[in-house]
Amino acid sequence: MLAAYALGSLMGGLIVARLKGGVNLRASGSGNIGATNALRTQGKAFALAVLVIDVAKGVVAALLLPRLAGAAATPELAYACGAAAVLGHCYPLWHRFQGGKGVATVAGVFAALLPASFPWMLLAFVLVVLLTGTVSLATLAASAAALLHVACFSEQGLFSGAGAFTAAMALLVLVKHRANWARLRAGTEPRFERARLLGRALGLK
């Protein structure tokens, strides 16, 4: 779990920024070091590289690191390692606990451990982006979809390691997006108008 936390603390936004000559994402756009702000301020290639690194952290933490425990490896340990990687991304020790929002890393863990829930998350995310162009709202919708799927349709159910992980990650996403909630209520949350294809087609404002 400590190794998973350390892996999660390797911020994709900072790694790509260093490779690109020291771009400072914290001083650009929303100040977040995740893929959304990277896309808004640095372009598609930069954002894709950030996204790949942050998703890969979740996959490696959940699938590979638990194997270091040998015979002691359990599904619960895999979820714990996945959660540790997300916490490392959100609250990295060597960056004064000022990290990202953890969404891409959460997605990586879900893709690795709960692949049946992942399409629901992706569908909810894409649908809300196409309707509203608002990534933060789409992220919250994806978290709700994952929780709904695990609670109602998965074999594990809500009262399991998978359920505890999903509920904890949904709560963490909600907490990390509290500033976005305030801007959504105020009508000042930025959105990608070019992505709002369905919303424009339906005449939504």
N, C-alpha and C. Protein backbone atom coordinates (compact mmCIF):
# COMPACT_ATOMS: atom_id res chain seq x y z
N MET A 1 0.82 -1.20 0.00
CA MET A 1 0.00 0.00 0.00
C MET A 1 0.86 1.26 0.00
N LEU A 2 1.99 1.20 0.71
CA LEU A 2 2.90 2.34 0.69
C LEU A 2 3.49 2.54 -0.70
N ALA A 3 3.82 1.44 -1.35
CA ALA A 3 4.33 1.53 -2.72
C ALA A 3 3.27 2.10 -3.65
N ALA A 4 2.00 1.72 -3.44
CA ALA A 4 0.91 2.24 -4.26
C ALA A 4 0.73 3.73 -4.03
N TYR A 5 0.84 4.16 -2.78
CA TYR A 5 0.75 5.59 -2.47
C TYR A 5 1.88 6.36 -3.15
N ALA A 6 3.09 5.81 -3.08
CA ALA A 6 4.24 6.47 -3.71
C ALA A 6 4.05 6.55 -5.22
N LEU A 7 3.53 5.48 -5.82
CA LEU A 7 3.28 5.49 -7.25
C LEU A 7 2.23 6.53 -7.60
N GLY A 8 1.16 6.60 -6.81
CA GLY A 8 0.12 7.58 -7.06
C GLY A 8 0.62 9.01 -6.96
N SER A 9 1.65 9.21 -6.15
CA SER A 9 2.19 10.56 -5.94
C SER A 9 3.01 11.06 -7.12
N LEU A 10 3.31 10.18 -8.08
CA LEU A 10 4.01 10.61 -9.30
C LEU A 10 2.98 11.24 -10.23
N MET A 11 2.93 12.56 -10.26
CA MET A 11 1.87 13.28 -10.95
C MET A 11 2.13 13.35 -12.45
N GLY A 12 1.18 12.82 -13.22
CA GLY A 12 1.33 12.86 -14.67
C GLY A 12 1.52 14.27 -15.21
N GLY A 13 0.78 15.22 -14.66
CA GLY A 13 0.88 16.60 -15.12
C GLY A 13 2.26 17.19 -14.90
N LEU A 14 2.88 16.84 -13.77
CA LEU A 14 4.22 17.37 -13.47
C LEU A 14 5.27 16.67 -14.31
N ILE A 15 5.10 15.36 -14.54
CA ILE A 15 6.06 14.61 -15.34
C ILE A 15 6.09 15.13 -16.78
N VAL A 16 4.91 15.27 -17.38
CA VAL A 16 4.84 15.75 -18.76
C VAL A 16 5.32 17.19 -18.85
N ALA A 17 4.97 18.00 -17.86
CA ALA A 17 5.42 19.39 -17.85
C ALA A 17 6.95 19.47 -17.82
N ARG A 18 7.57 18.60 -17.02
CA ARG A 18 9.04 18.59 -16.96
C ARG A 18 9.63 18.18 -18.30
N LEU A 19 9.03 17.19 -18.94
CA LEU A 19 9.52 16.74 -20.25
C LEU A 19 9.32 17.79 -21.33
N LYS A 20 8.32 18.64 -21.14
CA LYS A 20 8.01 19.68 -22.13
C LYS A 20 8.73 21.00 -21.84
N GLY A 21 9.66 20.97 -20.92
CA GLY A 21 10.45 22.17 -20.68
C GLY A 21 10.00 23.02 -19.53
N GLY A 22 9.27 22.43 -18.59
CA GLY A 22 8.92 23.16 -17.38
C GLY A 22 7.63 23.94 -17.44
N VAL A 23 6.66 23.52 -18.22
CA VAL A 23 5.35 24.17 -18.23
C VAL A 23 4.74 24.08 -16.83
N ASN A 24 4.16 25.16 -16.36
CA ASN A 24 3.58 25.19 -15.02
C ASN A 24 2.06 25.15 -15.11
N LEU A 25 1.49 23.95 -14.97
CA LEU A 25 0.03 23.82 -15.04
C LEU A 25 -0.66 24.52 -13.88
N ARG A 26 0.02 24.58 -12.74
CA ARG A 26 -0.60 25.23 -11.58
C ARG A 26 -0.81 26.72 -11.79
N ALA A 27 -0.08 27.29 -12.74
CA ALA A 27 -0.21 28.72 -13.03
C ALA A 27 -1.06 28.96 -14.28
N SER A 28 -1.70 27.91 -14.79
CA SER A 28 -2.48 28.04 -16.02
C SER A 28 -3.91 27.57 -15.78
N GLY A 29 -4.85 28.23 -16.41
CA GLY A 29 -6.24 27.81 -16.34
C GLY A 29 -6.77 27.72 -14.93
N SER A 30 -7.30 26.53 -14.58
CA SER A 30 -7.88 26.33 -13.25
C SER A 30 -6.82 26.11 -12.19
N GLY A 31 -5.57 25.89 -12.59
CA GLY A 31 -4.51 25.61 -11.64
C GLY A 31 -4.39 24.14 -11.28
N ASN A 32 -5.27 23.30 -11.81
CA ASN A 32 -5.21 21.87 -11.55
C ASN A 32 -4.17 21.22 -12.46
N ILE A 33 -3.57 20.12 -11.99
CA ILE A 33 -2.51 19.49 -12.78
C ILE A 33 -3.01 18.24 -13.50
N GLY A 34 -4.33 18.10 -13.63
CA GLY A 34 -4.89 16.95 -14.31
C GLY A 34 -5.05 17.16 -15.80
N ALA A 35 -5.62 16.14 -16.45
CA ALA A 35 -5.74 16.14 -17.91
C ALA A 35 -6.70 17.20 -18.42
N THR A 36 -7.76 17.51 -17.66
CA THR A 36 -8.74 18.50 -18.14
C THR A 36 -8.11 19.87 -18.28
N ASN A 37 -7.39 20.30 -17.25
CA ASN A 37 -6.73 21.60 -17.33
C ASN A 37 -5.61 21.58 -18.36
N ALA A 38 -4.94 20.43 -18.49
CA ALA A 38 -3.89 20.30 -19.51
C ALA A 38 -4.48 20.46 -20.91
N LEU A 39 -5.65 19.87 -21.13
CA LEU A 39 -6.31 20.00 -22.43
C LEU A 39 -6.71 21.44 -22.69
N ARG A 40 -7.22 22.08 -21.67
CA ARG A 40 -7.69 23.46 -21.84
C ARG A 40 -6.55 24.43 -22.10
N THR A 41 -5.38 24.16 -21.51
CA THR A 41 -4.29 25.14 -21.58
C THR A 41 -3.10 24.72 -22.46
N GLN A 42 -2.91 23.40 -22.65
CA GLN A 42 -1.71 22.93 -23.35
C GLN A 42 -1.99 22.14 -24.61
N GLY A 43 -3.22 21.73 -24.84
CA GLY A 43 -3.55 21.02 -26.06
C GLY A 43 -3.74 19.53 -25.87
N LYS A 44 -4.15 18.87 -26.96
CA LYS A 44 -4.57 17.47 -26.90
C LYS A 44 -3.42 16.52 -26.59
N ALA A 45 -2.29 16.68 -27.25
CA ALA A 45 -1.18 15.74 -27.05
C ALA A 45 -0.68 15.77 -25.61
N PHE A 46 -0.54 16.95 -25.07
CA PHE A 46 -0.10 17.12 -23.69
C PHE A 46 -1.10 16.46 -22.74
N ALA A 47 -2.39 16.74 -22.95
CA ALA A 47 -3.43 16.21 -22.07
C ALA A 47 -3.50 14.69 -22.16
N LEU A 48 -3.33 14.14 -23.36
CA LEU A 48 -3.37 12.69 -23.53
C LEU A 48 -2.23 12.02 -22.77
N ALA A 49 -1.06 12.61 -22.83
CA ALA A 49 0.08 12.05 -22.11
C ALA A 49 -0.17 12.06 -20.60
N VAL A 50 -0.72 13.15 -20.10
CA VAL A 50 -1.06 13.24 -18.67
C VAL A 50 -2.08 12.17 -18.31
N LEU A 51 -3.10 12.04 -19.15
CA LEU A 51 -4.16 11.07 -18.89
C LEU A 51 -3.63 9.64 -18.85
N VAL A 52 -2.78 9.29 -19.80
CA VAL A 52 -2.22 7.94 -19.86
C VAL A 52 -1.42 7.62 -18.60
N ILE A 53 -0.60 8.54 -18.15
CA ILE A 53 0.21 8.31 -16.95
C ILE A 53 -0.68 8.14 -15.73
N ASP A 54 -1.66 9.01 -15.56
CA ASP A 54 -2.50 8.96 -14.36
C ASP A 54 -3.41 7.73 -14.34
N VAL A 55 -3.90 7.31 -15.50
CA VAL A 55 -4.70 6.08 -15.56
C VAL A 55 -3.81 4.87 -15.29
N ALA A 56 -2.62 4.85 -15.89
CA ALA A 56 -1.71 3.71 -15.73
C ALA A 56 -1.33 3.50 -14.27
N LYS A 57 -1.22 4.57 -13.49
CA LYS A 57 -0.90 4.43 -12.07
C LYS A 57 -1.95 3.59 -11.37
N GLY A 58 -3.22 3.85 -11.66
CA GLY A 58 -4.29 3.07 -11.04
C GLY A 58 -4.26 1.62 -11.44
N VAL A 59 -3.98 1.36 -12.71
CA VAL A 59 -3.93 -0.02 -13.20
C VAL A 59 -2.78 -0.78 -12.53
N VAL A 60 -1.61 -0.21 -12.53
CA VAL A 60 -0.43 -0.87 -11.94
C VAL A 60 -0.61 -1.08 -10.44
N ALA A 61 -1.12 -0.07 -9.75
CA ALA A 61 -1.31 -0.18 -8.30
C ALA A 61 -2.29 -1.28 -7.95
N ALA A 62 -3.35 -1.43 -8.74
CA ALA A 62 -4.39 -2.41 -8.42
C ALA A 62 -4.05 -3.81 -8.89
N LEU A 63 -3.38 -3.93 -10.02
CA LEU A 63 -3.13 -5.25 -10.60
C LEU A 63 -1.78 -5.84 -10.24
N LEU A 64 -0.73 -5.03 -10.23
CA LEU A 64 0.62 -5.56 -10.09
C LEU A 64 1.17 -5.48 -8.67
N LEU A 65 0.98 -4.36 -8.00
CA LEU A 65 1.59 -4.21 -6.67
C LEU A 65 1.09 -5.22 -5.64
N PRO A 66 -0.21 -5.58 -5.65
CA PRO A 66 -0.65 -6.59 -4.66
C PRO A 66 0.08 -7.92 -4.79
N ARG A 67 0.62 -8.23 -5.96
CA ARG A 67 1.33 -9.49 -6.14
C ARG A 67 2.61 -9.54 -5.32
N LEU A 68 3.10 -8.38 -4.90
CA LEU A 68 4.29 -8.35 -4.05
C LEU A 68 4.02 -9.01 -2.70
N ALA A 69 2.73 -9.10 -2.32
CA ALA A 69 2.37 -9.73 -1.05
C ALA A 69 2.35 -11.25 -1.14
N GLY A 70 2.53 -11.81 -2.34
CA GLY A 70 2.57 -13.25 -2.51
C GLY A 70 1.25 -13.91 -2.11
N ALA A 71 1.34 -14.90 -1.22
CA ALA A 71 0.15 -15.65 -0.81
C ALA A 71 -0.82 -14.79 -0.02
N ALA A 72 -0.36 -13.68 0.51
CA ALA A 72 -1.23 -12.80 1.29
C ALA A 72 -2.08 -11.87 0.43
N ALA A 73 -1.86 -11.90 -0.88
CA ALA A 73 -2.62 -11.03 -1.78
C ALA A 73 -4.09 -11.45 -1.79
N THR A 74 -4.98 -10.51 -1.61
CA THR A 74 -6.42 -10.75 -1.61
C THR A 74 -7.11 -9.68 -2.44
N PRO A 75 -8.37 -9.90 -2.85
CA PRO A 75 -9.09 -8.83 -3.55
C PRO A 75 -9.16 -7.54 -2.73
N GLU A 76 -9.30 -7.69 -1.42
CA GLU A 76 -9.36 -6.50 -0.57
C GLU A 76 -8.05 -5.72 -0.61
N LEU A 77 -6.93 -6.43 -0.68
CA LEU A 77 -5.64 -5.74 -0.78
C LEU A 77 -5.53 -4.99 -2.10
N ALA A 78 -6.06 -5.57 -3.16
CA ALA A 78 -6.03 -4.89 -4.46
C ALA A 78 -6.82 -3.58 -4.40
N TYR A 79 -8.00 -3.62 -3.78
CA TYR A 79 -8.78 -2.40 -3.64
C TYR A 79 -8.06 -1.38 -2.75
N ALA A 80 -7.42 -1.88 -1.69
CA ALA A 80 -6.69 -0.98 -0.79
C ALA A 80 -5.52 -0.33 -1.51
N CYS A 81 -4.81 -1.09 -2.35
CA CYS A 81 -3.70 -0.52 -3.11
C CYS A 81 -4.21 0.50 -4.13
N GLY A 82 -5.34 0.18 -4.77
CA GLY A 82 -5.93 1.14 -5.69
C GLY A 82 -6.31 2.43 -4.99
N ALA A 83 -6.93 2.31 -3.82
CA ALA A 83 -7.30 3.50 -3.06
C ALA A 83 -6.08 4.28 -2.62
N ALA A 84 -5.01 3.57 -2.23
CA ALA A 84 -3.77 4.24 -1.82
C ALA A 84 -3.17 5.04 -2.96
N ALA A 85 -3.22 4.49 -4.18
CA ALA A 85 -2.70 5.22 -5.34
C ALA A 85 -3.51 6.48 -5.60
N VAL A 86 -4.82 6.39 -5.45
CA VAL A 86 -5.67 7.56 -5.64
C VAL A 86 -5.36 8.62 -4.59
N LEU A 87 -5.21 8.19 -3.34
CA LEU A 87 -4.88 9.14 -2.27
C LEU A 87 -3.51 9.77 -2.51
N GLY A 88 -2.58 8.98 -3.04
CA GLY A 88 -1.27 9.54 -3.37
C GLY A 88 -1.37 10.62 -4.42
N HIS A 89 -2.25 10.41 -5.40
CA HIS A 89 -2.45 11.42 -6.44
C HIS A 89 -3.10 12.68 -5.87
N CYS A 90 -4.09 12.48 -5.02
CA CYS A 90 -4.83 13.63 -4.48
C CYS A 90 -4.05 14.37 -3.40
N TYR A 91 -3.30 13.62 -2.59
CA TYR A 91 -2.60 14.22 -1.45
C TYR A 91 -1.15 13.72 -1.40
N PRO A 92 -0.32 14.11 -2.37
CA PRO A 92 1.07 13.63 -2.41
C PRO A 92 1.92 14.28 -1.32
N LEU A 93 2.61 13.44 -0.57
CA LEU A 93 3.40 13.92 0.56
C LEU A 93 4.45 14.93 0.13
N TRP A 94 5.18 14.62 -0.98
CA TRP A 94 6.29 15.49 -1.38
C TRP A 94 5.86 16.68 -2.22
N HIS A 95 4.56 16.89 -2.35
CA HIS A 95 4.05 18.12 -2.97
C HIS A 95 3.14 18.85 -1.99
N ARG A 96 3.46 18.69 -0.69
CA ARG A 96 2.72 19.35 0.39
C ARG A 96 1.24 19.01 0.36
N PHE A 97 0.95 17.77 -0.04
CA PHE A 97 -0.42 17.25 -0.08
C PHE A 97 -1.32 18.02 -1.04
N GLN A 98 -0.70 18.73 -1.99
CA GLN A 98 -1.45 19.47 -3.00
C GLN A 98 -1.37 18.73 -4.32
N GLY A 99 -2.31 17.83 -4.56
CA GLY A 99 -2.29 17.05 -5.78
C GLY A 99 -3.46 17.34 -6.69
N GLY A 100 -3.84 16.34 -7.46
CA GLY A 100 -4.95 16.49 -8.39
C GLY A 100 -6.24 15.98 -7.79
N LYS A 101 -7.22 15.74 -8.64
CA LYS A 101 -8.54 15.31 -8.18
C LYS A 101 -8.73 13.81 -8.26
N GLY A 102 -7.79 13.11 -8.84
CA GLY A 102 -7.77 11.66 -8.77
C GLY A 102 -8.66 10.91 -9.73
N VAL A 103 -9.36 11.62 -10.61
CA VAL A 103 -10.36 10.97 -11.45
C VAL A 103 -9.75 9.95 -12.40
N ALA A 104 -8.67 10.32 -13.08
CA ALA A 104 -8.05 9.40 -14.03
C ALA A 104 -7.49 8.17 -13.33
N THR A 105 -6.91 8.35 -12.15
CA THR A 105 -6.37 7.22 -11.40
C THR A 105 -7.49 6.31 -10.90
N VAL A 106 -8.59 6.89 -10.46
CA VAL A 106 -9.77 6.11 -10.08
C VAL A 106 -10.26 5.28 -11.27
N ALA A 107 -10.29 5.91 -12.44
CA ALA A 107 -10.73 5.20 -13.65
C ALA A 107 -9.82 4.02 -13.94
N GLY A 108 -8.52 4.19 -13.75
CA GLY A 108 -7.59 3.09 -13.97
C GLY A 108 -7.84 1.93 -13.03
N VAL A 109 -8.13 2.22 -11.77
CA VAL A 109 -8.42 1.16 -10.81
C VAL A 109 -9.70 0.43 -11.20
N PHE A 110 -10.72 1.18 -11.59
CA PHE A 110 -11.98 0.55 -12.00
C PHE A 110 -11.77 -0.32 -13.24
N ALA A 111 -11.01 0.17 -14.20
CA ALA A 111 -10.76 -0.62 -15.40
C ALA A 111 -10.04 -1.92 -15.06
N ALA A 112 -9.19 -1.90 -14.04
CA ALA A 112 -8.44 -3.08 -13.65
C ALA A 112 -9.24 -4.05 -12.81
N LEU A 113 -10.00 -3.53 -11.85
CA LEU A 113 -10.64 -4.40 -10.86
C LEU A 113 -12.15 -4.57 -11.06
N LEU A 114 -12.80 -3.59 -11.65
CA LEU A 114 -14.25 -3.65 -11.86
C LEU A 114 -14.57 -3.33 -13.31
N PRO A 115 -14.08 -4.16 -14.22
CA PRO A 115 -14.26 -3.85 -15.64
C PRO A 115 -15.72 -3.81 -16.09
N ALA A 116 -16.61 -4.51 -15.37
CA ALA A 116 -18.02 -4.47 -15.74
C ALA A 116 -18.65 -3.11 -15.42
N SER A 117 -18.11 -2.42 -14.42
CA SER A 117 -18.62 -1.10 -14.06
C SER A 117 -18.06 0.01 -14.93
N PHE A 118 -16.88 -0.24 -15.49
CA PHE A 118 -16.19 0.81 -16.23
C PHE A 118 -16.99 1.33 -17.42
N PRO A 119 -17.63 0.47 -18.23
CA PRO A 119 -18.43 1.01 -19.35
C PRO A 119 -19.57 1.92 -18.89
N TRP A 120 -20.16 1.60 -17.75
CA TRP A 120 -21.22 2.47 -17.21
C TRP A 120 -20.65 3.84 -16.88
N MET A 121 -19.49 3.86 -16.26
CA MET A 121 -18.84 5.13 -15.93
C MET A 121 -18.53 5.92 -17.19
N LEU A 122 -17.97 5.22 -18.18
CA LEU A 122 -17.58 5.89 -19.42
C LEU A 122 -18.81 6.43 -20.16
N LEU A 123 -19.88 5.63 -20.19
CA LEU A 123 -21.11 6.07 -20.86
C LEU A 123 -21.69 7.30 -20.18
N ALA A 124 -21.75 7.29 -18.87
CA ALA A 124 -22.29 8.44 -18.13
C ALA A 124 -21.43 9.67 -18.37
N PHE A 125 -20.12 9.49 -18.35
CA PHE A 125 -19.20 10.61 -18.56
C PHE A 125 -19.39 11.22 -19.94
N VAL A 126 -19.36 10.37 -20.97
CA VAL A 126 -19.47 10.87 -22.35
C VAL A 126 -20.82 11.52 -22.59
N LEU A 127 -21.89 10.91 -22.08
CA LEU A 127 -23.23 11.46 -22.29
C LEU A 127 -23.37 12.85 -21.68
N VAL A 128 -22.88 13.02 -20.46
CA VAL A 128 -23.00 14.33 -19.79
C VAL A 128 -22.12 15.37 -20.48
N VAL A 129 -20.93 14.96 -20.94
CA VAL A 129 -20.07 15.90 -21.68
C VAL A 129 -20.76 16.34 -22.97
N LEU A 130 -21.36 15.40 -23.68
CA LEU A 130 -22.05 15.74 -24.93
C LEU A 130 -23.26 16.63 -24.69
N LEU A 131 -23.90 16.47 -23.54
CA LEU A 131 -25.08 17.28 -23.22
C LEU A 131 -24.71 18.65 -22.69
N THR A 132 -23.71 18.71 -21.81
CA THR A 132 -23.42 19.96 -21.10
C THR A 132 -22.06 20.57 -21.41
N GLY A 133 -21.10 19.75 -21.86
CA GLY A 133 -19.76 20.25 -22.07
C GLY A 133 -19.00 20.49 -20.78
N THR A 134 -19.55 20.03 -19.66
CA THR A 134 -18.96 20.30 -18.35
C THR A 134 -18.31 19.04 -17.81
N VAL A 135 -17.00 19.01 -17.75
CA VAL A 135 -16.27 17.82 -17.36
C VAL A 135 -16.50 17.48 -15.89
N SER A 136 -16.55 18.48 -15.03
CA SER A 136 -16.76 18.21 -13.61
C SER A 136 -18.10 17.53 -13.36
N LEU A 137 -19.15 17.99 -14.01
CA LEU A 137 -20.46 17.37 -13.87
C LEU A 137 -20.45 15.95 -14.43
N ALA A 138 -19.74 15.74 -15.54
CA ALA A 138 -19.62 14.41 -16.12
C ALA A 138 -18.88 13.47 -15.18
N THR A 139 -17.88 13.98 -14.49
CA THR A 139 -17.12 13.16 -13.54
C THR A 139 -18.00 12.71 -12.39
N LEU A 140 -18.80 13.61 -11.87
CA LEU A 140 -19.72 13.26 -10.79
C LEU A 140 -20.76 12.25 -11.26
N ALA A 141 -21.23 12.40 -12.49
CA ALA A 141 -22.19 11.44 -13.05
C ALA A 141 -21.55 10.07 -13.20
N ALA A 142 -20.29 10.01 -13.61
CA ALA A 142 -19.58 8.74 -13.74
C ALA A 142 -19.43 8.05 -12.39
N SER A 143 -19.14 8.82 -11.36
CA SER A 143 -19.02 8.25 -10.01
C SER A 143 -20.35 7.68 -9.55
N ALA A 144 -21.43 8.41 -9.81
CA ALA A 144 -22.76 7.92 -9.43
C ALA A 144 -23.12 6.66 -10.20
N ALA A 145 -22.75 6.60 -11.48
CA ALA A 145 -23.04 5.41 -12.29
C ALA A 145 -22.29 4.20 -11.77
N ALA A 146 -21.03 4.39 -11.37
CA ALA A 146 -20.25 3.27 -10.82
C ALA A 146 -20.88 2.76 -9.53
N LEU A 147 -21.29 3.67 -8.67
CA LEU A 147 -21.91 3.28 -7.40
C LEU A 147 -23.22 2.54 -7.65
N LEU A 148 -24.01 3.03 -8.59
CA LEU A 148 -25.28 2.39 -8.93
C LEU A 148 -25.05 0.97 -9.47
N HIS A 149 -24.07 0.83 -10.34
CA HIS A 149 -23.81 -0.49 -10.93
C HIS A 149 -23.35 -1.48 -9.88
N VAL A 150 -22.41 -1.09 -9.04
CA VAL A 150 -21.91 -2.01 -8.02
C VAL A 150 -23.02 -2.38 -7.04
N ALA A 151 -23.85 -1.40 -6.67
CA ALA A 151 -24.91 -1.65 -5.70
C ALA A 151 -26.03 -2.52 -6.25
N CYS A 152 -26.36 -2.36 -7.52
CA CYS A 152 -27.57 -2.99 -8.06
C CYS A 152 -27.31 -4.14 -9.02
N PHE A 153 -26.17 -4.16 -9.68
CA PHE A 153 -25.98 -5.13 -10.76
C PHE A 153 -24.76 -6.03 -10.62
N SER A 154 -23.81 -5.69 -9.76
CA SER A 154 -22.61 -6.51 -9.66
C SER A 154 -22.84 -7.67 -8.69
N GLU A 155 -22.04 -8.71 -8.84
CA GLU A 155 -22.13 -9.86 -7.95
C GLU A 155 -21.69 -9.50 -6.53
N GLN A 156 -20.73 -8.59 -6.40
CA GLN A 156 -20.21 -8.26 -5.08
C GLN A 156 -21.22 -7.52 -4.22
N GLY A 157 -21.94 -6.59 -4.83
CA GLY A 157 -22.88 -5.78 -4.06
C GLY A 157 -22.19 -4.66 -3.32
N LEU A 158 -23.00 -3.80 -2.73
CA LEU A 158 -22.46 -2.63 -2.05
C LEU A 158 -21.71 -2.99 -0.78
N PHE A 159 -22.15 -4.06 -0.09
CA PHE A 159 -21.53 -4.45 1.17
C PHE A 159 -20.43 -5.48 0.92
N SER A 160 -19.38 -5.00 0.30
CA SER A 160 -18.24 -5.83 -0.08
C SER A 160 -17.03 -4.94 -0.23
N GLY A 161 -15.88 -5.55 -0.50
CA GLY A 161 -14.69 -4.75 -0.75
C GLY A 161 -14.89 -3.83 -1.94
N ALA A 162 -15.51 -4.34 -2.99
CA ALA A 162 -15.78 -3.52 -4.18
C ALA A 162 -16.73 -2.38 -3.85
N GLY A 163 -17.76 -2.68 -3.05
CA GLY A 163 -18.71 -1.65 -2.67
C GLY A 163 -18.09 -0.57 -1.81
N ALA A 164 -17.28 -0.99 -0.85
CA ALA A 164 -16.62 -0.02 0.03
C ALA A 164 -15.68 0.87 -0.77
N PHE A 165 -14.93 0.25 -1.69
CA PHE A 165 -14.02 1.04 -2.53
C PHE A 165 -14.80 2.03 -3.38
N THR A 166 -15.87 1.58 -4.02
CA THR A 166 -16.65 2.45 -4.90
C THR A 166 -17.27 3.61 -4.13
N ALA A 167 -17.83 3.32 -2.97
CA ALA A 167 -18.44 4.38 -2.16
C ALA A 167 -17.39 5.38 -1.68
N ALA A 168 -16.22 4.87 -1.27
CA ALA A 168 -15.16 5.76 -0.81
C ALA A 168 -14.65 6.65 -1.93
N MET A 169 -14.48 6.09 -3.12
CA MET A 169 -14.00 6.87 -4.25
C MET A 169 -15.04 7.89 -4.71
N ALA A 170 -16.32 7.53 -4.66
CA ALA A 170 -17.37 8.48 -5.02
C ALA A 170 -17.38 9.65 -4.04
N LEU A 171 -17.20 9.36 -2.76
CA LEU A 171 -17.15 10.42 -1.76
C LEU A 171 -15.92 11.30 -1.96
N LEU A 172 -14.78 10.68 -2.27
CA LEU A 172 -13.56 11.46 -2.49
C LEU A 172 -13.71 12.38 -3.70
N VAL A 173 -14.29 11.85 -4.79
CA VAL A 173 -14.51 12.68 -5.98
C VAL A 173 -15.42 13.84 -5.65
N LEU A 174 -16.46 13.58 -4.86
CA LEU A 174 -17.37 14.65 -4.46
C LEU A 174 -16.66 15.73 -3.66
N VAL A 175 -15.82 15.31 -2.73
CA VAL A 175 -15.09 16.26 -1.88
C VAL A 175 -14.10 17.07 -2.73
N LYS A 176 -13.38 16.39 -3.62
CA LYS A 176 -12.38 17.08 -4.43
C LYS A 176 -13.01 18.04 -5.44
N HIS A 177 -14.29 17.88 -5.72
CA HIS A 177 -14.97 18.75 -6.69
C HIS A 177 -15.89 19.77 -6.01
N ARG A 178 -15.69 20.01 -4.72
CA ARG A 178 -16.60 20.92 -4.03
C ARG A 178 -16.55 22.34 -4.60
N ALA A 179 -15.37 22.77 -5.05
CA ALA A 179 -15.28 24.09 -5.68
C ALA A 179 -16.04 24.11 -7.01
N ASN A 180 -16.00 22.99 -7.72
CA ASN A 180 -16.75 22.90 -8.98
C ASN A 180 -18.25 22.97 -8.73
N TRP A 181 -18.70 22.33 -7.64
CA TRP A 181 -20.12 22.39 -7.29
C TRP A 181 -20.55 23.84 -7.08
N ALA A 182 -19.71 24.60 -6.38
CA ALA A 182 -20.04 26.01 -6.13
C ALA A 182 -20.14 26.79 -7.43
N ARG A 183 -19.21 26.53 -8.35
CA ARG A 183 -19.25 27.23 -9.64
C ARG A 183 -20.43 26.76 -10.49
N LEU A 184 -20.79 25.48 -10.39
CA LEU A 184 -21.96 24.99 -11.13
C LEU A 184 -23.22 25.68 -10.65
N ARG A 185 -23.35 25.84 -9.34
CA ARG A 185 -24.53 26.53 -8.80
C ARG A 185 -24.56 27.99 -9.21
N ALA A 186 -23.36 28.59 -9.31
CA ALA A 186 -23.28 30.01 -9.69
C ALA A 186 -23.34 30.21 -11.19
N GLY A 187 -23.26 29.13 -11.95
CA GLY A 187 -23.28 29.24 -13.41
C GLY A 187 -21.98 29.73 -14.00
N THR A 188 -20.89 29.57 -13.27
CA THR A 188 -19.59 30.07 -13.74
C THR A 188 -18.59 28.94 -14.05
N GLU A 189 -19.03 27.69 -14.00
CA GLU A 189 -18.13 26.57 -14.28
C GLU A 189 -17.77 26.54 -15.76
N PRO A 190 -16.46 26.50 -16.09
CA PRO A 190 -16.06 26.44 -17.51
C PRO A 190 -16.58 25.18 -18.17
N ARG A 191 -16.85 25.26 -19.47
CA ARG A 191 -17.27 24.07 -20.19
C ARG A 191 -16.70 24.11 -21.61
N PHE A 192 -16.59 22.92 -22.19
CA PHE A 192 -16.07 22.78 -23.53
C PHE A 192 -17.25 22.84 -24.51
N GLU A 193 -17.45 23.99 -25.11
CA GLU A 193 -18.59 24.16 -26.01
C GLU A 193 -18.50 23.24 -27.22
N ARG A 194 -17.29 23.00 -27.71
CA ARG A 194 -17.14 22.15 -28.90
C ARG A 194 -17.54 20.70 -28.62
N ALA A 195 -17.47 20.30 -27.34
CA ALA A 195 -17.86 18.93 -26.98
C ALA A 195 -19.35 18.79 -26.74
N ARG A 196 -20.06 19.91 -26.64
CA ARG A 196 -21.48 19.89 -26.26
C ARG A 196 -22.36 19.66 -27.50
N LEU A 197 -22.04 18.60 -28.25
CA LEU A 197 -22.72 18.34 -29.51
C LEU A 197 -24.19 18.00 -29.31
N LEU A 198 -24.48 17.10 -28.36
CA LEU A 198 -25.85 16.68 -28.13
C LEU A 198 -26.68 17.81 -27.52
N GLY A 199 -26.07 18.55 -26.64
CA GLY A 199 -26.77 19.66 -25.99
C GLY A 199 -27.20 20.73 -27.00
N ARG A 200 -26.29 21.05 -27.93
CA ARG A 200 -26.63 22.04 -28.96
C ARG A 200 -27.71 21.50 -29.90
N ALA A 201 -27.62 20.21 -30.24
CA ALA A 201 -28.60 19.61 -31.13
C ALA A 201 -30.00 19.62 -30.53
N LEU A 202 -30.06 19.48 -29.17
CA LEU A 202 -31.35 19.48 -28.48
C LEU A 202 -31.79 20.88 -28.08
N GLY A 203 -30.97 21.87 -28.39
CA GLY A 203 -31.31 23.25 -28.05
C GLY A 203 -31.17 23.60 -26.59
N LEU A 204 -30.31 22.86 -25.86
CA LEU A 204 -30.11 23.15 -24.45
C LEU A 204 -29.14 24.31 -24.28
N LYS A 205 -29.39 25.12 -23.27
CA LYS A 205 -28.50 26.25 -23.00
C LYS A 205 -27.38 25.83 -22.09
